[in-house]
Amino acid sequence: MEIDEKTQEKIQEIQILEQNLHNLILQKQAFQMELNETENALSEVEKTKEDVFKVISNLMIKTDKSKLKEELGRKKDLLNLRLKSISSRENEFSKQLEVLRTEIMKKFK
């Protein structure tokens, strides 16, 4: 069976979308892991009654507990925003893939 040029282009577009979707999923997993670590750090900072330290490069520096909580809170918010953005793009890619797959399947029927 011969595939026309439009169908070949759609197949290539599907492959690109699938690769982009895969990359998004990897990014999402990395951000989710970072968010979990940030939430755990925030939880530990809130629980402790002792001094808190923060690691910068190879240095461990004593820091103000409230400033660290604020910093971790901002980081958590930023990560949540990034995850929301990635999820939105993931949904868009999935919808585009579904449309293209449907179009291609119609050609082969």
PDB file of N, CA and C in Angstrom:
ATOM      1  N   MET A   1       0.838  -1.170   0.000  1.00  0.00           N
ATOM      2  CA  MET A   1       0.000   0.000   0.000  1.00  0.00           C
ATOM      3  C   MET A   1       0.891   1.245   0.000  1.00  0.00           C
ATOM      4  N   GLU A   2       0.559   2.190  -0.849  1.00  0.00           N
ATOM      5  CA  GLU A   2       1.320   3.422  -0.936  1.00  0.00           C
ATOM      6  C   GLU A   2       0.688   4.476  -0.033  1.00  0.00           C
ATOM      7  N   ILE A   3       1.550   5.223   0.626  1.00  0.00           N
ATOM      8  CA  ILE A   3       1.080   6.259   1.536  1.00  0.00           C
ATOM      9  C   ILE A   3       1.312   7.612   0.875  1.00  0.00           C
ATOM     10  N   ASP A   4       0.239   8.422   0.813  1.00  0.00           N
ATOM     11  CA  ASP A   4       0.398   9.729   0.175  1.00  0.00           C
ATOM     12  C   ASP A   4       1.244  10.667   1.051  1.00  0.00           C
ATOM     13  N   GLU A   5       1.651  11.763   0.442  1.00  0.00           N
ATOM     14  CA  GLU A   5       2.585  12.681   1.109  1.00  0.00           C
ATOM     15  C   GLU A   5       1.983  13.300   2.375  1.00  0.00           C
ATOM     16  N   LYS A   6       0.718  13.666   2.325  1.00  0.00           N
ATOM     17  CA  LYS A   6       0.052  14.248   3.500  1.00  0.00           C
ATOM     18  C   LYS A   6       0.057  13.270   4.676  1.00  0.00           C
ATOM     19  N   THR A   7      -0.227  12.025   4.388  1.00  0.00           N
ATOM     20  CA  THR A   7      -0.257  11.001   5.434  1.00  0.00           C
ATOM     21  C   THR A   7       1.144  10.789   6.008  1.00  0.00           C
ATOM     22  N   GLN A   8       2.144  10.795   5.155  1.00  0.00           N
ATOM     23  CA  GLN A   8       3.522  10.665   5.639  1.00  0.00           C
ATOM     24  C   GLN A   8       3.889  11.834   6.552  1.00  0.00           C
ATOM     25  N   GLU A   9       3.457  13.031   6.173  1.00  0.00           N
ATOM     26  CA  GLU A   9       3.714  14.206   7.012  1.00  0.00           C
ATOM     27  C   GLU A   9       3.029  14.070   8.369  1.00  0.00           C
ATOM     28  N   LYS A  10       1.815  13.542   8.354  1.00  0.00           N
ATOM     29  CA  LYS A  10       1.084  13.355   9.614  1.00  0.00           C
ATOM     30  C   LYS A  10       1.769  12.305  10.493  1.00  0.00           C
ATOM     31  N   ILE A  11       2.281  11.275   9.863  1.00  0.00           N
ATOM     32  CA  ILE A  11       3.003  10.239  10.612  1.00  0.00           C
ATOM     33  C   ILE A  11       4.259  10.838  11.244  1.00  0.00           C
ATOM     34  N   GLN A  12       4.969  11.659  10.489  1.00  0.00           N
ATOM     35  CA  GLN A  12       6.149  12.327  11.039  1.00  0.00           C
ATOM     36  C   GLN A  12       5.768  13.269  12.174  1.00  0.00           C
ATOM     37  N   GLU A  13       4.664  13.958  12.007  1.00  0.00           N
ATOM     38  CA  GLU A  13       4.179  14.861  13.055  1.00  0.00           C
ATOM     39  C   GLU A  13       3.837  14.073  14.327  1.00  0.00           C
ATOM     40  N   ILE A  14       3.249  12.909  14.145  1.00  0.00           N
ATOM     41  CA  ILE A  14       2.945  12.044  15.290  1.00  0.00           C
ATOM     42  C   ILE A  14       4.223  11.651  16.008  1.00  0.00           C
ATOM     43  N   GLN A  15       5.239  11.271  15.230  1.00  0.00           N
ATOM     44  CA  GLN A  15       6.508  10.872  15.843  1.00  0.00           C
ATOM     45  C   GLN A  15       7.134  12.025  16.629  1.00  0.00           C
ATOM     46  N   ILE A  16       7.075  13.213  16.083  1.00  0.00           N
ATOM     47  CA  ILE A  16       7.615  14.390  16.772  1.00  0.00           C
ATOM     48  C   ILE A  16       6.820  14.681  18.040  1.00  0.00           C
ATOM     49  N   LEU A  17       5.498  14.620  17.925  1.00  0.00           N
ATOM     50  CA  LEU A  17       4.647  14.861  19.095  1.00  0.00           C
ATOM     51  C   LEU A  17       4.889  13.822  20.185  1.00  0.00           C
ATOM     52  N   GLU A  18       5.055  12.570  19.778  1.00  0.00           N
ATOM     53  CA  GLU A  18       5.319  11.510  20.754  1.00  0.00           C
ATOM     54  C   GLU A  18       6.642  11.747  21.470  1.00  0.00           C
ATOM     55  N   GLN A  19       7.661  12.190  20.725  1.00  0.00           N
ATOM     56  CA  GLN A  19       8.956  12.487  21.334  1.00  0.00           C
ATOM     57  C   GLN A  19       8.836  13.677  22.287  1.00  0.00           C
ATOM     58  N   ASN A  20       8.121  14.703  21.855  1.00  0.00           N
ATOM     59  CA  ASN A  20       7.903  15.872  22.722  1.00  0.00           C
ATOM     60  C   ASN A  20       7.130  15.486  23.976  1.00  0.00           C
ATOM     61  N   LEU A  21       6.148  14.636  23.809  1.00  0.00           N
ATOM     62  CA  LEU A  21       5.362  14.170  24.950  1.00  0.00           C
ATOM     63  C   LEU A  21       6.238  13.375  25.913  1.00  0.00           C
ATOM     64  N   HIS A  22       7.087  12.537  25.371  1.00  0.00           N
ATOM     65  CA  HIS A  22       8.012  11.759  26.196  1.00  0.00           C
ATOM     66  C   HIS A  22       8.939  12.686  26.984  1.00  0.00           C
ATOM     67  N   ASN A  23       9.481  13.715  26.309  1.00  0.00           N
ATOM     68  CA  ASN A  23      10.351  14.678  26.984  1.00  0.00           C
ATOM     69  C   ASN A  23       9.607  15.434  28.085  1.00  0.00           C
ATOM     70  N   LEU A  24       8.357  15.775  27.809  1.00  0.00           N
ATOM     71  CA  LEU A  24       7.540  16.460  28.822  1.00  0.00           C
ATOM     72  C   LEU A  24       7.328  15.571  30.047  1.00  0.00           C
ATOM     73  N   ILE A  25       7.077  14.311  29.800  1.00  0.00           N
ATOM     74  CA  ILE A  25       6.850  13.378  30.908  1.00  0.00           C
ATOM     75  C   ILE A  25       8.110  13.253  31.763  1.00  0.00           C
ATOM     76  N   LEU A  26       9.273  13.209  31.111  1.00  0.00           N
ATOM     77  CA  LEU A  26      10.529  13.157  31.858  1.00  0.00           C
ATOM     78  C   LEU A  26      10.728  14.428  32.683  1.00  0.00           C
ATOM     79  N   GLN A  27      10.430  15.572  32.081  1.00  0.00           N
ATOM     80  CA  GLN A  27      10.519  16.847  32.798  1.00  0.00           C
ATOM     81  C   GLN A  27       9.561  16.863  33.984  1.00  0.00           C
ATOM     82  N   LYS A  28       8.363  16.394  33.749  1.00  0.00           N
ATOM     83  CA  LYS A  28       7.344  16.372  34.793  1.00  0.00           C
ATOM     84  C   LYS A  28       7.793  15.507  35.965  1.00  0.00           C
ATOM     85  N   GLN A  29       8.380  14.350  35.659  1.00  0.00           N
ATOM     86  CA  GLN A  29       8.874  13.475  36.718  1.00  0.00           C
ATOM     87  C   GLN A  29       9.981  14.145  37.520  1.00  0.00           C
ATOM     88  N   ALA A  30      10.882  14.844  36.829  1.00  0.00           N
ATOM     89  CA  ALA A  30      11.982  15.533  37.516  1.00  0.00           C
ATOM     90  C   ALA A  30      11.441  16.637  38.421  1.00  0.00           C
ATOM     91  N   PHE A  31      10.491  17.411  37.921  1.00  0.00           N
ATOM     92  CA  PHE A  31       9.897  18.469  38.740  1.00  0.00           C
ATOM     93  C   PHE A  31       9.113  17.886  39.906  1.00  0.00           C
ATOM     94  N   GLN A  32       8.434  16.767  39.674  1.00  0.00           N
ATOM     95  CA  GLN A  32       7.672  16.130  40.756  1.00  0.00           C
ATOM     96  C   GLN A  32       8.610  15.649  41.854  1.00  0.00           C
ATOM     97  N   MET A  33       9.759  15.082  41.467  1.00  0.00           N
ATOM     98  CA  MET A  33      10.734  14.646  42.465  1.00  0.00           C
ATOM     99  C   MET A  33      11.278  15.845  43.251  1.00  0.00           C
ATOM    100  N   GLU A  34      11.563  16.919  42.540  1.00  0.00           N
ATOM    101  CA  GLU A  34      12.072  18.128  43.199  1.00  0.00           C
ATOM    102  C   GLU A  34      11.017  18.716  44.133  1.00  0.00           C
ATOM    103  N   LEU A  35       9.761  18.674  43.708  1.00  0.00           N
ATOM    104  CA  LEU A  35       8.676  19.162  44.557  1.00  0.00           C
ATOM    105  C   LEU A  35       8.568  18.321  45.820  1.00  0.00           C
ATOM    106  N   ASN A  36       8.650  17.003  45.682  1.00  0.00           N
ATOM    107  CA  ASN A  36       8.588  16.114  46.850  1.00  0.00           C
ATOM    108  C   ASN A  36       9.727  16.410  47.820  1.00  0.00           C
ATOM    109  N   GLU A  37      10.931  16.601  47.280  1.00  0.00           N
ATOM    110  CA  GLU A  37      12.083  16.924  48.126  1.00  0.00           C
ATOM    111  C   GLU A  37      11.881  18.260  48.831  1.00  0.00           C
ATOM    112  N   THR A  38      11.346  19.237  48.119  1.00  0.00           N
ATOM    113  CA  THR A  38      11.099  20.557  48.693  1.00  0.00           C
ATOM    114  C   THR A  38      10.045  20.474  49.796  1.00  0.00           C
ATOM    115  N   GLU A  39       8.973  19.728  49.544  1.00  0.00           N
ATOM    116  CA  GLU A  39       7.929  19.565  50.561  1.00  0.00           C
ATOM    117  C   GLU A  39       8.475  18.863  51.803  1.00  0.00           C
ATOM    118  N   ASN A  40       9.313  17.839  51.598  1.00  0.00           N
ATOM    119  CA  ASN A  40       9.919  17.136  52.732  1.00  0.00           C
ATOM    120  C   ASN A  40      10.842  18.064  53.515  1.00  0.00           C
ATOM    121  N   ALA A  41      11.637  18.864  52.810  1.00  0.00           N
ATOM    122  CA  ALA A  41      12.540  19.809  53.475  1.00  0.00           C
ATOM    123  C   ALA A  41      11.740  20.835  54.264  1.00  0.00           C
ATOM    124  N   LEU A  42      10.680  21.336  53.678  1.00  0.00           N
ATOM    125  CA  LEU A  42       9.820  22.321  54.350  1.00  0.00           C
ATOM    126  C   LEU A  42       9.202  21.724  55.607  1.00  0.00           C
ATOM    127  N   SER A  43       8.764  20.492  55.504  1.00  0.00           N
ATOM    128  CA  SER A  43       8.176  19.794  56.647  1.00  0.00           C
ATOM    129  C   SER A  43       9.203  19.638  57.773  1.00  0.00           C
ATOM    130  N   GLU A  44      10.409  19.253  57.413  1.00  0.00           N
ATOM    131  CA  GLU A  44      11.468  19.073  58.413  1.00  0.00           C
ATOM    132  C   GLU A  44      11.855  20.402  59.066  1.00  0.00           C
ATOM    133  N   VAL A  45      11.915  21.454  58.278  1.00  0.00           N
ATOM    134  CA  VAL A  45      12.249  22.776  58.816  1.00  0.00           C
ATOM    135  C   VAL A  45      11.179  23.224  59.812  1.00  0.00           C
ATOM    136  N   GLU A  46       9.919  22.964  59.484  1.00  0.00           N
ATOM    137  CA  GLU A  46       8.828  23.355  60.373  1.00  0.00           C
ATOM    138  C   GLU A  46       8.841  22.565  61.676  1.00  0.00           C
ATOM    139  N   LYS A  47       9.277  21.307  61.612  1.00  0.00           N
ATOM    140  CA  LYS A  47       9.286  20.447  62.804  1.00  0.00           C
ATOM    141  C   LYS A  47      10.424  20.771  63.766  1.00  0.00           C
ATOM    142  N   THR A  48      11.553  21.189  63.228  1.00  0.00           N
ATOM    143  CA  THR A  48      12.749  21.318  64.059  1.00  0.00           C
ATOM    144  C   THR A  48      12.692  22.540  64.976  1.00  0.00           C
ATOM    145  N   LYS A  49      13.242  22.364  66.143  1.00  0.00           N
ATOM    146  CA  LYS A  49      13.358  23.452  67.106  1.00  0.00           C
ATOM    147  C   LYS A  49      14.795  23.969  67.128  1.00  0.00           C
ATOM    148  N   GLU A  50      15.670  23.272  66.435  1.00  0.00           N
ATOM    149  CA  GLU A  50      17.089  23.601  66.439  1.00  0.00           C
ATOM    150  C   GLU A  50      17.450  24.521  65.275  1.00  0.00           C
ATOM    151  N   ASP A  51      18.740  24.856  65.188  1.00  0.00           N
ATOM    152  CA  ASP A  51      19.235  25.664  64.076  1.00  0.00           C
ATOM    153  C   ASP A  51      19.044  24.903  62.770  1.00  0.00           C
ATOM    154  N   VAL A  52      18.871  25.676  61.704  1.00  0.00           N
ATOM    155  CA  VAL A  52      18.743  25.064  60.384  1.00  0.00           C
ATOM    156  C   VAL A  52      19.907  25.515  59.510  1.00  0.00           C
ATOM    157  N   PHE A  53      20.288  24.635  58.602  1.00  0.00           N
ATOM    158  CA  PHE A  53      21.403  24.900  57.709  1.00  0.00           C
ATOM    159  C   PHE A  53      20.952  24.677  56.276  1.00  0.00           C
ATOM    160  N   LYS A  54      21.635  25.357  55.392  1.00  0.00           N
ATOM    161  CA  LYS A  54      21.321  25.232  53.975  1.00  0.00           C
ATOM    162  C   LYS A  54      22.631  24.956  53.246  1.00  0.00           C
ATOM    163  N   VAL A  55      22.574  24.062  52.275  1.00  0.00           N
ATOM    164  CA  VAL A  55      23.768  23.697  51.515  1.00  0.00           C
ATOM    165  C   VAL A  55      23.796  24.521  50.226  1.00  0.00           C
ATOM    166  N   ILE A  56      24.915  25.235  50.048  1.00  0.00           N
ATOM    167  CA  ILE A  56      25.142  26.008  48.836  1.00  0.00           C
ATOM    168  C   ILE A  56      26.479  25.548  48.272  1.00  0.00           C
ATOM    169  N   SER A  57      26.431  24.952  47.097  1.00  0.00           N
ATOM    170  CA  SER A  57      27.616  24.327  46.498  1.00  0.00           C
ATOM    171  C   SER A  57      28.173  23.308  47.473  1.00  0.00           C
ATOM    172  N   ASN A  58      29.382  23.517  47.955  1.00  0.00           N
ATOM    173  CA  ASN A  58      29.983  22.572  48.903  1.00  0.00           C
ATOM    174  C   ASN A  58      29.987  23.128  50.323  1.00  0.00           C
ATOM    175  N   LEU A  59      29.238  24.181  50.575  1.00  0.00           N
ATOM    176  CA  LEU A  59      29.212  24.815  51.890  1.00  0.00           C
ATOM    177  C   LEU A  59      27.880  24.596  52.581  1.00  0.00           C
ATOM    178  N   MET A  60      27.944  24.360  53.879  1.00  0.00           N
ATOM    179  CA  MET A  60      26.740  24.280  54.682  1.00  0.00           C
ATOM    180  C   MET A  60      26.705  25.547  55.529  1.00  0.00           C
ATOM    181  N   ILE A  61      25.654  26.335  55.367  1.00  0.00           N
ATOM    182  CA  ILE A  61      25.569  27.630  56.016  1.00  0.00           C
ATOM    183  C   ILE A  61      24.356  27.672  56.935  1.00  0.00           C
ATOM    184  N   LYS A  62      24.590  28.159  58.149  1.00  0.00           N
ATOM    185  CA  LYS A  62      23.472  28.349  59.085  1.00  0.00           C
ATOM    186  C   LYS A  62      22.601  29.467  58.528  1.00  0.00           C
ATOM    187  N   THR A  63      21.305  29.249  58.585  1.00  0.00           N
ATOM    188  CA  THR A  63      20.394  30.229  58.018  1.00  0.00           C
ATOM    189  C   THR A  63      19.201  30.450  58.935  1.00  0.00           C
ATOM    190  N   ASP A  64      18.514  31.540  58.712  1.00  0.00           N
ATOM    191  CA  ASP A  64      17.324  31.877  59.487  1.00  0.00           C
ATOM    192  C   ASP A  64      16.182  30.945  59.082  1.00  0.00           C
ATOM    193  N   LYS A  65      15.540  30.350  60.077  1.00  0.00           N
ATOM    194  CA  LYS A  65      14.485  29.368  59.824  1.00  0.00           C
ATOM    195  C   LYS A  65      13.329  29.973  59.020  1.00  0.00           C
ATOM    196  N   SER A  66      12.892  31.163  59.377  1.00  0.00           N
ATOM    197  CA  SER A  66      11.751  31.773  58.685  1.00  0.00           C
ATOM    198  C   SER A  66      12.100  32.119  57.240  1.00  0.00           C
ATOM    199  N   LYS A  67      13.322  32.572  57.003  1.00  0.00           N
ATOM    200  CA  LYS A  67      13.744  32.877  55.625  1.00  0.00           C
ATOM    201  C   LYS A  67      13.821  31.608  54.787  1.00  0.00           C
ATOM    202  N   LEU A  68      14.310  30.539  55.401  1.00  0.00           N
ATOM    203  CA  LEU A  68      14.397  29.265  54.685  1.00  0.00           C
ATOM    204  C   LEU A  68      13.001  28.734  54.370  1.00  0.00           C
ATOM    205  N   LYS A  69      12.082  28.852  55.323  1.00  0.00           N
ATOM    206  CA  LYS A  69      10.696  28.423  55.078  1.00  0.00           C
ATOM    207  C   LYS A  69      10.087  29.231  53.938  1.00  0.00           C
ATOM    208  N   GLU A  70      10.351  30.516  53.926  1.00  0.00           N
ATOM    209  CA  GLU A  70       9.826  31.388  52.868  1.00  0.00           C
ATOM    210  C   GLU A  70      10.420  30.996  51.512  1.00  0.00           C
ATOM    211  N   GLU A  71      11.720  30.753  51.493  1.00  0.00           N
ATOM    212  CA  GLU A  71      12.402  30.352  50.262  1.00  0.00           C
ATOM    213  C   GLU A  71      11.869  29.020  49.739  1.00  0.00           C
ATOM    214  N   LEU A  72      11.706  28.056  50.641  1.00  0.00           N
ATOM    215  CA  LEU A  72      11.172  26.750  50.250  1.00  0.00           C
ATOM    216  C   LEU A  72       9.719  26.869  49.781  1.00  0.00           C
ATOM    217  N   GLY A  73       8.964  27.743  50.411  1.00  0.00           N
ATOM    218  CA  GLY A  73       7.578  27.963  50.004  1.00  0.00           C
ATOM    219  C   GLY A  73       7.492  28.534  48.597  1.00  0.00           C
ATOM    220  N   ARG A  74       8.364  29.510  48.299  1.00  0.00           N
ATOM    221  CA  ARG A  74       8.396  30.090  46.940  1.00  0.00           C
ATOM    222  C   ARG A  74       8.809  29.033  45.923  1.00  0.00           C
ATOM    223  N   LYS A  75       9.793  28.214  46.296  1.00  0.00           N
ATOM    224  CA  LYS A  75      10.247  27.156  45.384  1.00  0.00           C
ATOM    225  C   LYS A  75       9.116  26.160  45.128  1.00  0.00           C
ATOM    226  N   LYS A  76       8.379  25.819  46.175  1.00  0.00           N
ATOM    227  CA  LYS A  76       7.253  24.893  46.051  1.00  0.00           C
ATOM    228  C   LYS A  76       6.193  25.476  45.110  1.00  0.00           C
ATOM    229  N   ASP A  77       5.880  26.762  45.282  1.00  0.00           N
ATOM    230  CA  ASP A  77       4.894  27.414  44.415  1.00  0.00           C
ATOM    231  C   ASP A  77       5.346  27.409  42.959  1.00  0.00           C
ATOM    232  N   LEU A  78       6.619  27.710  42.738  1.00  0.00           N
ATOM    233  CA  LEU A  78       7.166  27.734  41.384  1.00  0.00           C
ATOM    234  C   LEU A  78       7.102  26.339  40.748  1.00  0.00           C
ATOM    235  N   LEU A  79       7.470  25.324  41.518  1.00  0.00           N
ATOM    236  CA  LEU A  79       7.419  23.958  40.994  1.00  0.00           C
ATOM    237  C   LEU A  79       5.986  23.538  40.673  1.00  0.00           C
ATOM    238  N   ASN A  80       5.043  23.910  41.527  1.00  0.00           N
ATOM    239  CA  ASN A  80       3.631  23.603  41.248  1.00  0.00           C
ATOM    240  C   ASN A  80       3.166  24.286  39.971  1.00  0.00           C
ATOM    241  N   LEU A  81       3.600  25.529  39.776  1.00  0.00           N
ATOM    242  CA  LEU A  81       3.239  26.261  38.568  1.00  0.00           C
ATOM    243  C   LEU A  81       3.832  25.587  37.327  1.00  0.00           C
ATOM    244  N   ARG A  82       5.084  25.174  37.426  1.00  0.00           N
ATOM    245  CA  ARG A  82       5.726  24.480  36.299  1.00  0.00           C
ATOM    246  C   ARG A  82       5.032  23.163  35.995  1.00  0.00           C
ATOM    247  N   LEU A  83       4.677  22.431  37.041  1.00  0.00           N
ATOM    248  CA  LEU A  83       3.981  21.153  36.838  1.00  0.00           C
ATOM    249  C   LEU A  83       2.624  21.372  36.187  1.00  0.00           C
ATOM    250  N   LYS A  84       1.932  22.419  36.593  1.00  0.00           N
ATOM    251  CA  LYS A  84       0.635  22.725  35.995  1.00  0.00           C
ATOM    252  C   LYS A  84       0.795  23.056  34.509  1.00  0.00           C
ATOM    253  N   SER A  85       1.820  23.835  34.190  1.00  0.00           N
ATOM    254  CA  SER A  85       2.096  24.201  32.803  1.00  0.00           C
ATOM    255  C   SER A  85       2.433  22.970  31.972  1.00  0.00           C
ATOM    256  N   ILE A  86       3.268  22.098  32.521  1.00  0.00           N
ATOM    257  CA  ILE A  86       3.646  20.874  31.814  1.00  0.00           C
ATOM    258  C   ILE A  86       2.433  19.984  31.598  1.00  0.00           C
ATOM    259  N   SER A  87       1.584  19.868  32.603  1.00  0.00           N
ATOM    260  CA  SER A  87       0.373  19.041  32.466  1.00  0.00           C
ATOM    261  C   SER A  87      -0.533  19.584  31.373  1.00  0.00           C
ATOM    262  N   SER A  88      -0.621  20.902  31.294  1.00  0.00           N
ATOM    263  CA  SER A  88      -1.444  21.525  30.260  1.00  0.00           C
ATOM    264  C   SER A  88      -0.880  21.210  28.865  1.00  0.00           C
ATOM    265  N   ARG A  89       0.430  21.344  28.712  1.00  0.00           N
ATOM    266  CA  ARG A  89       1.066  21.024  27.431  1.00  0.00           C
ATOM    267  C   ARG A  89       0.940  19.540  27.114  1.00  0.00           C
ATOM    268  N   GLU A  90       1.041  18.720  28.135  1.00  0.00           N
ATOM    269  CA  GLU A  90       0.894  17.271  27.957  1.00  0.00           C
ATOM    270  C   GLU A  90      -0.498  16.942  27.421  1.00  0.00           C
ATOM    271  N   ASN A  91      -1.514  17.591  27.972  1.00  0.00           N
ATOM    272  CA  ASN A  91      -2.892  17.375  27.498  1.00  0.00           C
ATOM    273  C   ASN A  91      -3.061  17.827  26.057  1.00  0.00           C
ATOM    274  N   GLU A  92      -2.460  18.987  25.719  1.00  0.00           N
ATOM    275  CA  GLU A  92      -2.543  19.484  24.347  1.00  0.00           C
ATOM    276  C   GLU A  92      -1.905  18.496  23.374  1.00  0.00           C
ATOM    277  N   PHE A  93      -0.709  18.009  23.714  1.00  0.00           N
ATOM    278  CA  PHE A  93      -0.030  17.054  22.854  1.00  0.00           C
ATOM    279  C   PHE A  93      -0.848  15.783  22.699  1.00  0.00           C
ATOM    280  N   SER A  94      -1.424  15.314  23.789  1.00  0.00           N
ATOM    281  CA  SER A  94      -2.230  14.087  23.738  1.00  0.00           C
ATOM    282  C   SER A  94      -3.431  14.265  22.818  1.00  0.00           C
ATOM    283  N   LYS A  95      -4.085  15.415  22.907  1.00  0.00           N
ATOM    284  CA  LYS A  95      -5.245  15.684  22.039  1.00  0.00           C
ATOM    285  C   LYS A  95      -4.817  15.744  20.575  1.00  0.00           C
ATOM    286  N   GLN A  96      -3.700  16.426  20.299  1.00  0.00           N
ATOM    287  CA  GLN A  96      -3.199  16.508  18.927  1.00  0.00           C
ATOM    288  C   GLN A  96      -2.863  15.121  18.388  1.00  0.00           C
ATOM    289  N   LEU A  97      -2.232  14.310  19.224  1.00  0.00           N
ATOM    290  CA  LEU A  97      -1.898  12.942  18.811  1.00  0.00           C
ATOM    291  C   LEU A  97      -3.148  12.148  18.477  1.00  0.00           C
ATOM    292  N   GLU A  98      -4.148  12.277  19.309  1.00  0.00           N
ATOM    293  CA  GLU A  98      -5.387  11.539  19.083  1.00  0.00           C
ATOM    294  C   GLU A  98      -6.035  11.942  17.756  1.00  0.00           C
ATOM    295  N   VAL A  99      -6.058  13.242  17.484  1.00  0.00           N
ATOM    296  CA  VAL A  99      -6.636  13.727  16.226  1.00  0.00           C
ATOM    297  C   VAL A  99      -5.856  13.181  15.038  1.00  0.00           C
ATOM    298  N   LEU A 100      -4.546  13.268  15.092  1.00  0.00           N
ATOM    299  CA  LEU A 100      -3.723  12.778  13.984  1.00  0.00           C
ATOM    300  C   LEU A 100      -3.870  11.271  13.798  1.00  0.00           C
ATOM    301  N   ARG A 101      -3.881  10.542  14.875  1.00  0.00           N
ATOM    302  CA  ARG A 101      -4.049   9.078  14.772  1.00  0.00           C
ATOM    303  C   ARG A 101      -5.385   8.719  14.142  1.00  0.00           C
ATOM    304  N   THR A 102      -6.415   9.439  14.548  1.00  0.00           N
ATOM    305  CA  THR A 102      -7.745   9.196  13.989  1.00  0.00           C
ATOM    306  C   THR A 102      -7.761   9.473  12.496  1.00  0.00           C
ATOM    307  N   GLU A 103      -7.139  10.582  12.097  1.00  0.00           N
ATOM    308  CA  GLU A 103      -7.078  10.929  10.667  1.00  0.00           C
ATOM    309  C   GLU A 103      -6.344   9.865   9.871  1.00  0.00           C
ATOM    310  N   ILE A 104      -5.245   9.385  10.414  1.00  0.00           N
ATOM    311  CA  ILE A 104      -4.457   8.373   9.705  1.00  0.00           C
ATOM    312  C   ILE A 104      -5.228   7.054   9.633  1.00  0.00           C
ATOM    313  N   MET A 105      -5.888   6.686  10.709  1.00  0.00           N
ATOM    314  CA  MET A 105      -6.653   5.420  10.700  1.00  0.00           C
ATOM    315  C   MET A 105      -7.777   5.477   9.669  1.00  0.00           C
ATOM    316  N   LYS A 106      -8.383   6.648   9.484  1.00  0.00           N
ATOM    317  CA  LYS A 106      -9.424   6.785   8.469  1.00  0.00           C
ATOM    318  C   LYS A 106      -8.867   6.541   7.066  1.00  0.00           C
ATOM    319  N   LYS A 107      -7.625   6.962   6.849  1.00  0.00           N
ATOM    320  CA  LYS A 107      -6.991   6.770   5.539  1.00  0.00           C
ATOM    321  C   LYS A 107      -6.774   5.296   5.231  1.00  0.00           C
ATOM    322  N   PHE A 108      -6.484   4.515   6.288  1.00  0.00           N
ATOM    323  CA  PHE A 108      -6.176   3.107   6.084  1.00  0.00           C
ATOM    324  C   PHE A 108      -7.410   2.216   6.065  1.00  0.00           C
ATOM    325  N   LYS A 109      -8.558   2.768   6.354  1.00  0.00           N
ATOM    326  CA  LYS A 109      -9.783   1.954   6.352  1.00  0.00           C
ATOM    327  C   LYS A 109     -10.426   1.910   4.997  1.00  0.00           C
TER     328      LYS A 109
END
